[in-house]
Amino acid sequence: MPDLVIRQVDHLLAERIRAFAKAREWSLNEVLLHALRRGLGVAENGQQAENSVDADELAMLAGPWDATEQAVFHETVQALSTARGDALLPVAREA
């Protein structure tokens, strides 16, 4: 398997990764692989993963949300899951 290097990780993101690893007793590599698989919709076995959000994981990283915040988040996730991939790309500027 290829190795990848991630550069220019901001301090907040690095701290969240470390906190997640510590809470789960995982290595940093395990956390990053988990996040990449979930974010890209790939299951542990390499198959397409079901799009689901683990509320416990989010609460651990960002703190608990109230009902309004949860509703907005779930609505956004639903909208993104049905959007065409190319519709999410930035529009190229003409020179």
PDB file of N, CA and C in Angstrom:
ATOM      1  N   MET A   1       0.840  -1.185   0.000  1.00  0.00           N
ATOM      2  CA  MET A   1       0.000   0.000   0.000  1.00  0.00           C
ATOM      3  C   MET A   1       0.879   1.241   0.000  1.00  0.00           C
ATOM      4  N   PRO A   2       0.438   2.276  -0.679  1.00  0.00           N
ATOM      5  CA  PRO A   2       1.239   3.508  -0.714  1.00  0.00           C
ATOM      6  C   PRO A   2       1.143   4.276   0.600  1.00  0.00           C
ATOM      7  N   ASP A   3       2.193   5.014   0.907  1.00  0.00           N
ATOM      8  CA  ASP A   3       2.191   5.935   2.034  1.00  0.00           C
ATOM      9  C   ASP A   3       1.851   7.314   1.497  1.00  0.00           C
ATOM     10  N   LEU A   4       1.118   8.085   2.272  1.00  0.00           N
ATOM     11  CA  LEU A   4       0.762   9.449   1.899  1.00  0.00           C
ATOM     12  C   LEU A   4       1.249  10.395   2.989  1.00  0.00           C
ATOM     13  N   VAL A   5       1.581  11.592   2.607  1.00  0.00           N
ATOM     14  CA  VAL A   5       2.005  12.617   3.551  1.00  0.00           C
ATOM     15  C   VAL A   5       0.983  13.741   3.496  1.00  0.00           C
ATOM     16  N   ILE A   6       0.545  14.192   4.668  1.00  0.00           N
ATOM     17  CA  ILE A   6      -0.385  15.317   4.747  1.00  0.00           C
ATOM     18  C   ILE A   6       0.399  16.503   5.275  1.00  0.00           C
ATOM     19  N   ARG A   7       0.396  17.581   4.520  1.00  0.00           N
ATOM     20  CA  ARG A   7       1.147  18.777   4.903  1.00  0.00           C
ATOM     21  C   ARG A   7       0.193  19.893   5.315  1.00  0.00           C
ATOM     22  N   GLN A   8       0.737  20.866   6.012  1.00  0.00           N
ATOM     23  CA  GLN A   8       0.045  22.092   6.391  1.00  0.00           C
ATOM     24  C   GLN A   8      -1.231  21.832   7.185  1.00  0.00           C
ATOM     25  N   VAL A   9      -1.119  20.947   8.178  1.00  0.00           N
ATOM     26  CA  VAL A   9      -2.238  20.662   9.073  1.00  0.00           C
ATOM     27  C   VAL A   9      -2.258  21.761  10.133  1.00  0.00           C
ATOM     28  N   ASP A  10      -3.384  22.461  10.251  1.00  0.00           N
ATOM     29  CA  ASP A  10      -3.443  23.542  11.235  1.00  0.00           C
ATOM     30  C   ASP A  10      -3.480  22.970  12.655  1.00  0.00           C
ATOM     31  N   HIS A  11      -3.170  23.814  13.614  1.00  0.00           N
ATOM     32  CA  HIS A  11      -3.044  23.368  15.009  1.00  0.00           C
ATOM     33  C   HIS A  11      -4.348  22.814  15.570  1.00  0.00           C
ATOM     34  N   LEU A  12      -5.465  23.425  15.240  1.00  0.00           N
ATOM     35  CA  LEU A  12      -6.751  22.957  15.746  1.00  0.00           C
ATOM     36  C   LEU A  12      -7.054  21.552  15.236  1.00  0.00           C
ATOM     37  N   LEU A  13      -6.854  21.320  13.948  1.00  0.00           N
ATOM     38  CA  LEU A  13      -7.105  20.000  13.379  1.00  0.00           C
ATOM     39  C   LEU A  13      -6.169  18.961  13.989  1.00  0.00           C
ATOM     40  N   ALA A  14      -4.906  19.299  14.138  1.00  0.00           N
ATOM     41  CA  ALA A  14      -3.944  18.368  14.738  1.00  0.00           C
ATOM     42  C   ALA A  14      -4.350  18.022  16.167  1.00  0.00           C
ATOM     43  N   GLU A  15      -4.816  19.007  16.912  1.00  0.00           N
ATOM     44  CA  GLU A  15      -5.228  18.761  18.296  1.00  0.00           C
ATOM     45  C   GLU A  15      -6.467  17.873  18.346  1.00  0.00           C
ATOM     46  N   ARG A  16      -7.398  18.085  17.416  1.00  0.00           N
ATOM     47  CA  ARG A  16      -8.608  17.242  17.359  1.00  0.00           C
ATOM     48  C   ARG A  16      -8.246  15.801  17.009  1.00  0.00           C
ATOM     49  N   ILE A  17      -7.309  15.626  16.107  1.00  0.00           N
ATOM     50  CA  ILE A  17      -6.859  14.279  15.736  1.00  0.00           C
ATOM     51  C   ILE A  17      -6.240  13.590  16.949  1.00  0.00           C
ATOM     52  N   ARG A  18      -5.380  14.318  17.664  1.00  0.00           N
ATOM     53  CA  ARG A  18      -4.743  13.751  18.865  1.00  0.00           C
ATOM     54  C   ARG A  18      -5.772  13.403  19.933  1.00  0.00           C
ATOM     55  N   ALA A  19      -6.751  14.279  20.137  1.00  0.00           N
ATOM     56  CA  ALA A  19      -7.788  14.040  21.140  1.00  0.00           C
ATOM     57  C   ALA A  19      -8.613  12.806  20.785  1.00  0.00           C
ATOM     58  N   PHE A  20      -8.951  12.680  19.521  1.00  0.00           N
ATOM     59  CA  PHE A  20      -9.717  11.518  19.061  1.00  0.00           C
ATOM     60  C   PHE A  20      -8.914  10.245  19.293  1.00  0.00           C
ATOM     61  N   ALA A  21      -7.630  10.280  18.939  1.00  0.00           N
ATOM     62  CA  ALA A  21      -6.758   9.107  19.116  1.00  0.00           C
ATOM     63  C   ALA A  21      -6.648   8.733  20.588  1.00  0.00           C
ATOM     64  N   LYS A  22      -6.473   9.714  21.430  1.00  0.00           N
ATOM     65  CA  LYS A  22      -6.337   9.446  22.865  1.00  0.00           C
ATOM     66  C   LYS A  22      -7.625   8.852  23.439  1.00  0.00           C
ATOM     67  N   ALA A  23      -8.767   9.432  23.055  1.00  0.00           N
ATOM     68  CA  ALA A  23     -10.053   8.953  23.563  1.00  0.00           C
ATOM     69  C   ALA A  23     -10.340   7.518  23.133  1.00  0.00           C
ATOM     70  N   ARG A  24      -9.943   7.172  21.926  1.00  0.00           N
ATOM     71  CA  ARG A  24     -10.196   5.829  21.393  1.00  0.00           C
ATOM     72  C   ARG A  24      -9.056   4.847  21.664  1.00  0.00           C
ATOM     73  N   GLU A  25      -7.926   5.401  22.155  1.00  0.00           N
ATOM     74  CA  GLU A  25      -6.716   4.594  22.328  1.00  0.00           C
ATOM     75  C   GLU A  25      -6.278   4.001  20.993  1.00  0.00           C
ATOM     76  N   TRP A  26      -6.293   4.864  19.962  1.00  0.00           N
ATOM     77  CA  TRP A  26      -5.880   4.521  18.611  1.00  0.00           C
ATOM     78  C   TRP A  26      -4.600   5.276  18.302  1.00  0.00           C
ATOM     79  N   SER A  27      -3.878   4.812  17.308  1.00  0.00           N
ATOM     80  CA  SER A  27      -2.730   5.563  16.814  1.00  0.00           C
ATOM     81  C   SER A  27      -3.244   6.711  15.945  1.00  0.00           C
ATOM     82  N   LEU A  28      -2.391   7.692  15.706  1.00  0.00           N
ATOM     83  CA  LEU A  28      -2.776   8.788  14.816  1.00  0.00           C
ATOM     84  C   LEU A  28      -3.094   8.255  13.421  1.00  0.00           C
ATOM     85  N   ASN A  29      -2.330   7.273  12.968  1.00  0.00           N
ATOM     86  CA  ASN A  29      -2.564   6.680  11.653  1.00  0.00           C
ATOM     87  C   ASN A  29      -3.952   6.030  11.588  1.00  0.00           C
ATOM     88  N   GLU A  30      -4.338   5.321  12.652  1.00  0.00           N
ATOM     89  CA  GLU A  30      -5.659   4.684  12.673  1.00  0.00           C
ATOM     90  C   GLU A  30      -6.769   5.730  12.616  1.00  0.00           C
ATOM     91  N   VAL A  31      -6.594   6.831  13.321  1.00  0.00           N
ATOM     92  CA  VAL A  31      -7.590   7.900  13.307  1.00  0.00           C
ATOM     93  C   VAL A  31      -7.723   8.486  11.908  1.00  0.00           C
ATOM     94  N   LEU A  32      -6.580   8.774  11.283  1.00  0.00           N
ATOM     95  CA  LEU A  32      -6.624   9.375   9.949  1.00  0.00           C
ATOM     96  C   LEU A  32      -7.222   8.425   8.918  1.00  0.00           C
ATOM     97  N   LEU A  33      -6.867   7.152   8.979  1.00  0.00           N
ATOM     98  CA  LEU A  33      -7.467   6.183   8.051  1.00  0.00           C
ATOM     99  C   LEU A  33      -8.974   6.088   8.267  1.00  0.00           C
ATOM    100  N   HIS A  34      -9.391   6.067   9.525  1.00  0.00           N
ATOM    101  CA  HIS A  34     -10.816   6.007   9.860  1.00  0.00           C
ATOM    102  C   HIS A  34     -11.542   7.234   9.285  1.00  0.00           C
ATOM    103  N   ALA A  35     -10.966   8.430   9.511  1.00  0.00           N
ATOM    104  CA  ALA A  35     -11.590   9.660   9.029  1.00  0.00           C
ATOM    105  C   ALA A  35     -11.662   9.689   7.504  1.00  0.00           C
ATOM    106  N   LEU A  36     -10.581   9.280   6.850  1.00  0.00           N
ATOM    107  CA  LEU A  36     -10.579   9.258   5.389  1.00  0.00           C
ATOM    108  C   LEU A  36     -11.598   8.266   4.841  1.00  0.00           C
ATOM    109  N   ARG A  37     -11.652   7.086   5.423  1.00  0.00           N
ATOM    110  CA  ARG A  37     -12.629   6.089   4.951  1.00  0.00           C
ATOM    111  C   ARG A  37     -14.055   6.595   5.114  1.00  0.00           C
ATOM    112  N   ARG A  38     -14.342   7.150   6.273  1.00  0.00           N
ATOM    113  CA  ARG A  38     -15.703   7.659   6.511  1.00  0.00           C
ATOM    114  C   ARG A  38     -16.010   8.843   5.611  1.00  0.00           C
ATOM    115  N   GLY A  39     -15.055   9.756   5.490  1.00  0.00           N
ATOM    116  CA  GLY A  39     -15.283  10.942   4.682  1.00  0.00           C
ATOM    117  C   GLY A  39     -15.447  10.645   3.204  1.00  0.00           C
ATOM    118  N   LEU A  40     -14.777   9.598   2.744  1.00  0.00           N
ATOM    119  CA  LEU A  40     -14.840   9.239   1.328  1.00  0.00           C
ATOM    120  C   LEU A  40     -15.819   8.098   1.044  1.00  0.00           C
ATOM    121  N   GLY A  41     -16.516   7.625   2.090  1.00  0.00           N
ATOM    122  CA  GLY A  41     -17.529   6.596   1.905  1.00  0.00           C
ATOM    123  C   GLY A  41     -16.974   5.230   1.577  1.00  0.00           C
ATOM    124  N   VAL A  42     -15.836   4.868   2.181  1.00  0.00           N
ATOM    125  CA  VAL A  42     -15.225   3.567   1.943  1.00  0.00           C
ATOM    126  C   VAL A  42     -15.215   2.795   3.261  1.00  0.00           C
ATOM    127  N   ALA A  43     -15.772   1.589   3.246  1.00  0.00           N
ATOM    128  CA  ALA A  43     -15.814   0.756   4.447  1.00  0.00           C
ATOM    129  C   ALA A  43     -14.442   0.145   4.713  1.00  0.00           C
ATOM    130  N   GLU A  44     -14.276  -0.433   5.892  1.00  0.00           N
ATOM    131  CA  GLU A  44     -13.013  -1.067   6.281  1.00  0.00           C
ATOM    132  C   GLU A  44     -12.574  -2.135   5.276  1.00  0.00           C
ATOM    133  N   ASN A  45     -13.516  -2.817   4.667  1.00  0.00           N
ATOM    134  CA  ASN A  45     -13.182  -3.888   3.727  1.00  0.00           C
ATOM    135  C   ASN A  45     -12.966  -3.388   2.299  1.00  0.00           C
ATOM    136  N   GLY A  46     -12.958  -2.055   2.115  1.00  0.00           N
ATOM    137  CA  GLY A  46     -12.711  -1.493   0.801  1.00  0.00           C
ATOM    138  C   GLY A  46     -13.971  -1.299  -0.040  1.00  0.00           C
ATOM    139  N   GLN A  47     -15.109  -1.735   0.476  1.00  0.00           N
ATOM    140  CA  GLN A  47     -16.370  -1.590  -0.239  1.00  0.00           C
ATOM    141  C   GLN A  47     -16.980  -0.217   0.038  1.00  0.00           C
ATOM    142  N   GLN A  48     -17.988   0.141  -0.747  1.00  0.00           N
ATOM    143  CA  GLN A  48     -18.715   1.397  -0.533  1.00  0.00           C
ATOM    144  C   GLN A  48     -19.373   1.332   0.843  1.00  0.00           C
ATOM    145  N   ALA A  49     -19.197   2.367   1.633  1.00  0.00           N
ATOM    146  CA  ALA A  49     -19.776   2.419   2.974  1.00  0.00           C
ATOM    147  C   ALA A  49     -21.112   3.131   2.924  1.00  0.00           C
ATOM    148  N   GLU A  50     -21.980   2.766   3.846  1.00  0.00           N
ATOM    149  CA  GLU A  50     -23.245   3.458   3.987  1.00  0.00           C
ATOM    150  C   GLU A  50     -22.966   4.831   4.579  1.00  0.00           C
ATOM    151  N   ASN A  51     -23.598   5.865   4.038  1.00  0.00           N
ATOM    152  CA  ASN A  51     -23.383   7.224   4.558  1.00  0.00           C
ATOM    153  C   ASN A  51     -24.132   7.380   5.861  1.00  0.00           C
ATOM    154  N   SER A  52     -23.388   7.402   6.942  1.00  0.00           N
ATOM    155  CA  SER A  52     -23.991   7.624   8.243  1.00  0.00           C
ATOM    156  C   SER A  52     -23.033   8.441   9.088  1.00  0.00           C
ATOM    157  N   VAL A  53     -23.590   9.171  10.005  1.00  0.00           N
ATOM    158  CA  VAL A  53     -22.795  10.008  10.886  1.00  0.00           C
ATOM    159  C   VAL A  53     -22.938   9.463  12.296  1.00  0.00           C
ATOM    160  N   ASP A  54     -21.830   9.203  12.946  1.00  0.00           N
ATOM    161  CA  ASP A  54     -21.824   8.715  14.308  1.00  0.00           C
ATOM    162  C   ASP A  54     -21.883   9.913  15.246  1.00  0.00           C
ATOM    163  N   ALA A  55     -23.027  10.124  15.863  1.00  0.00           N
ATOM    164  CA  ALA A  55     -23.216  11.294  16.713  1.00  0.00           C
ATOM    165  C   ALA A  55     -22.260  11.304  17.901  1.00  0.00           C
ATOM    166  N   ASP A  56     -21.909  10.128  18.428  1.00  0.00           N
ATOM    167  CA  ASP A  56     -20.984  10.071  19.555  1.00  0.00           C
ATOM    168  C   ASP A  56     -19.613  10.597  19.166  1.00  0.00           C
ATOM    169  N   GLU A  57     -19.156  10.273  17.950  1.00  0.00           N
ATOM    170  CA  GLU A  57     -17.863  10.763  17.491  1.00  0.00           C
ATOM    171  C   GLU A  57     -17.883  12.279  17.367  1.00  0.00           C
ATOM    172  N   LEU A  58     -18.959  12.826  16.839  1.00  0.00           N
ATOM    173  CA  LEU A  58     -19.056  14.275  16.687  1.00  0.00           C
ATOM    174  C   LEU A  58     -19.121  14.971  18.036  1.00  0.00           C
ATOM    175  N   ALA A  59     -19.886  14.423  18.956  1.00  0.00           N
ATOM    176  CA  ALA A  59     -20.019  15.038  20.273  1.00  0.00           C
ATOM    177  C   ALA A  59     -18.691  15.048  21.006  1.00  0.00           C
ATOM    178  N   MET A  60     -17.923  13.967  20.849  1.00  0.00           N
ATOM    179  CA  MET A  60     -16.632  13.905  21.524  1.00  0.00           C
ATOM    180  C   MET A  60     -15.704  14.990  21.008  1.00  0.00           C
ATOM    181  N   LEU A  61     -15.750  15.262  19.715  1.00  0.00           N
ATOM    182  CA  LEU A  61     -14.850  16.249  19.127  1.00  0.00           C
ATOM    183  C   LEU A  61     -15.341  17.683  19.295  1.00  0.00           C
ATOM    184  N   ALA A  62     -16.619  17.917  19.152  1.00  0.00           N
ATOM    185  CA  ALA A  62     -17.132  19.280  19.117  1.00  0.00           C
ATOM    186  C   ALA A  62     -18.035  19.628  20.290  1.00  0.00           C
ATOM    187  N   GLY A  63     -18.345  18.674  21.132  1.00  0.00           N
ATOM    188  CA  GLY A  63     -19.282  18.923  22.215  1.00  0.00           C
ATOM    189  C   GLY A  63     -20.695  18.629  21.751  1.00  0.00           C
ATOM    190  N   PRO A  64     -21.608  18.435  22.686  1.00  0.00           N
ATOM    191  CA  PRO A  64     -22.992  18.100  22.302  1.00  0.00           C
ATOM    192  C   PRO A  64     -23.686  19.273  21.627  1.00  0.00           C
ATOM    193  N   TRP A  65     -24.597  18.964  20.728  1.00  0.00           N
ATOM    194  CA  TRP A  65     -25.358  19.978  20.011  1.00  0.00           C
ATOM    195  C   TRP A  65     -26.777  20.017  20.555  1.00  0.00           C
ATOM    196  N   ASP A  66     -27.400  21.180  20.449  1.00  0.00           N
ATOM    197  CA  ASP A  66     -28.807  21.252  20.821  1.00  0.00           C
ATOM    198  C   ASP A  66     -29.642  20.734  19.641  1.00  0.00           C
ATOM    199  N   ALA A  67     -30.939  20.639  19.841  1.00  0.00           N
ATOM    200  CA  ALA A  67     -31.826  20.046  18.820  1.00  0.00           C
ATOM    201  C   ALA A  67     -31.793  20.818  17.501  1.00  0.00           C
ATOM    202  N   THR A  68     -31.720  22.143  17.563  1.00  0.00           N
ATOM    203  CA  THR A  68     -31.683  22.952  16.343  1.00  0.00           C
ATOM    204  C   THR A  68     -30.412  22.696  15.556  1.00  0.00           C
ATOM    205  N   GLU A  69     -29.270  22.655  16.254  1.00  0.00           N
ATOM    206  CA  GLU A  69     -27.992  22.389  15.588  1.00  0.00           C
ATOM    207  C   GLU A  69     -27.988  21.001  14.957  1.00  0.00           C
ATOM    208  N   GLN A  70     -28.529  20.023  15.657  1.00  0.00           N
ATOM    209  CA  GLN A  70     -28.597  18.665  15.113  1.00  0.00           C
ATOM    210  C   GLN A  70     -29.451  18.620  13.852  1.00  0.00           C
ATOM    211  N   ALA A  71     -30.590  19.302  13.878  1.00  0.00           N
ATOM    212  CA  ALA A  71     -31.484  19.295  12.715  1.00  0.00           C
ATOM    213  C   ALA A  71     -30.814  19.935  11.505  1.00  0.00           C
ATOM    214  N   VAL A  72     -30.135  21.054  11.715  1.00  0.00           N
ATOM    215  CA  VAL A  72     -29.439  21.734  10.612  1.00  0.00           C
ATOM    216  C   VAL A  72     -28.342  20.841  10.053  1.00  0.00           C
ATOM    217  N   PHE A  73     -27.580  20.203  10.939  1.00  0.00           N
ATOM    218  CA  PHE A  73     -26.505  19.320  10.491  1.00  0.00           C
ATOM    219  C   PHE A  73     -27.054  18.164   9.664  1.00  0.00           C
ATOM    220  N   HIS A  74     -28.074  17.497  10.146  1.00  0.00           N
ATOM    221  CA  HIS A  74     -28.635  16.352   9.414  1.00  0.00           C
ATOM    222  C   HIS A  74     -29.239  16.780   8.074  1.00  0.00           C
ATOM    223  N   GLU A  75     -29.850  17.946   8.043  1.00  0.00           N
ATOM    224  CA  GLU A  75     -30.385  18.464   6.781  1.00  0.00           C
ATOM    225  C   GLU A  75     -29.257  18.724   5.785  1.00  0.00           C
ATOM    226  N   THR A  76     -28.156  19.263   6.270  1.00  0.00           N
ATOM    227  CA  THR A  76     -27.000  19.542   5.404  1.00  0.00           C
ATOM    228  C   THR A  76     -26.382  18.257   4.886  1.00  0.00           C
ATOM    229  N   VAL A  77     -26.214  17.279   5.757  1.00  0.00           N
ATOM    230  CA  VAL A  77     -25.653  15.991   5.340  1.00  0.00           C
ATOM    231  C   VAL A  77     -26.548  15.345   4.292  1.00  0.00           C
ATOM    232  N   GLN A  78     -27.851  15.408   4.493  1.00  0.00           N
ATOM    233  CA  GLN A  78     -28.791  14.836   3.523  1.00  0.00           C
ATOM    234  C   GLN A  78     -28.667  15.536   2.168  1.00  0.00           C
ATOM    235  N   ALA A  79     -28.575  16.857   2.182  1.00  0.00           N
ATOM    236  CA  ALA A  79     -28.451  17.609   0.933  1.00  0.00           C
ATOM    237  C   ALA A  79     -27.158  17.259   0.212  1.00  0.00           C
ATOM    238  N   LEU A  80     -26.072  17.164   0.952  1.00  0.00           N
ATOM    239  CA  LEU A  80     -24.787  16.823   0.337  1.00  0.00           C
ATOM    240  C   LEU A  80     -24.777  15.398  -0.200  1.00  0.00           C
ATOM    241  N   SER A  81     -25.472  14.487   0.461  1.00  0.00           N
ATOM    242  CA  SER A  81     -25.464  13.091   0.014  1.00  0.00           C
ATOM    243  C   SER A  81     -26.240  12.896  -1.287  1.00  0.00           C
ATOM    244  N   THR A  82     -27.114  13.830  -1.615  1.00  0.00           N
ATOM    245  CA  THR A  82     -27.891  13.701  -2.850  1.00  0.00           C
ATOM    246  C   THR A  82     -27.383  14.618  -3.961  1.00  0.00           C
ATOM    247  N   ALA A  83     -26.405  15.470  -3.647  1.00  0.00           N
ATOM    248  CA  ALA A  83     -25.868  16.402  -4.649  1.00  0.00           C
ATOM    249  C   ALA A  83     -24.935  15.670  -5.613  1.00  0.00           C
ATOM    250  N   ARG A  84     -24.919  16.114  -6.860  1.00  0.00           N
ATOM    251  CA  ARG A  84     -23.954  15.585  -7.824  1.00  0.00           C
ATOM    252  C   ARG A  84     -22.564  16.016  -7.386  1.00  0.00           C
ATOM    253  N   GLY A  85     -21.593  15.141  -7.521  1.00  0.00           N
ATOM    254  CA  GLY A  85     -20.226  15.445  -7.121  1.00  0.00           C
ATOM    255  C   GLY A  85     -19.661  16.662  -7.817  1.00  0.00           C
ATOM    256  N   ASP A  86     -19.930  16.801  -9.114  1.00  0.00           N
ATOM    257  CA  ASP A  86     -19.369  17.935  -9.848  1.00  0.00           C
ATOM    258  C   ASP A  86     -20.043  19.252  -9.469  1.00  0.00           C
ATOM    259  N   ALA A  87     -21.216  19.184  -8.858  1.00  0.00           N
ATOM    260  CA  ALA A  87     -21.901  20.401  -8.426  1.00  0.00           C
ATOM    261  C   ALA A  87     -21.223  21.013  -7.204  1.00  0.00           C
ATOM    262  N   LEU A  88     -20.395  20.254  -6.523  1.00  0.00           N
ATOM    263  CA  LEU A  88     -19.721  20.731  -5.321  1.00  0.00           C
ATOM    264  C   LEU A  88     -18.353  21.333  -5.607  1.00  0.00           C
ATOM    265  N   LEU A  89     -17.908  21.234  -6.867  1.00  0.00           N
ATOM    266  CA  LEU A  89     -16.590  21.775  -7.224  1.00  0.00           C
ATOM    267  C   LEU A  89     -16.662  23.281  -7.427  1.00  0.00           C
ATOM    268  N   PRO A  90     -15.594  23.999  -7.080  1.00  0.00           N
ATOM    269  CA  PRO A  90     -15.598  25.445  -7.311  1.00  0.00           C
ATOM    270  C   PRO A  90     -15.619  25.752  -8.808  1.00  0.00           C
ATOM    271  N   VAL A  91     -16.223  26.845  -9.143  1.00  0.00           N
ATOM    272  CA  VAL A  91     -16.282  27.285 -10.536  1.00  0.00           C
ATOM    273  C   VAL A  91     -14.952  27.919 -10.890  1.00  0.00           C
ATOM    274  N   ALA A  92     -14.372  27.516 -12.029  1.00  0.00           N
ATOM    275  CA  ALA A  92     -13.097  28.071 -12.472  1.00  0.00           C
ATOM    276  C   ALA A  92     -13.295  29.504 -12.948  1.00  0.00           C
ATOM    277  N   ARG A  93     -12.356  30.351 -12.550  1.00  0.00           N
ATOM    278  CA  ARG A  93     -12.417  31.747 -12.984  1.00  0.00           C
ATOM    279  C   ARG A  93     -11.772  31.885 -14.350  1.00  0.00           C
ATOM    280  N   GLU A  94     -12.368  32.714 -15.158  1.00  0.00           N
ATOM    281  CA  GLU A  94     -11.774  32.983 -16.467  1.00  0.00           C
ATOM    282  C   GLU A  94     -10.779  34.122 -16.343  1.00  0.00           C
ATOM    283  N   ALA A  95      -9.635  33.979 -16.998  1.00  0.00           N
ATOM    284  CA  ALA A  95      -8.591  35.013 -16.899  1.00  0.00           C
ATOM    285  C   ALA A  95      -8.879  36.177 -17.798  1.00  0.00           C
TER     286      ALA A  95
END
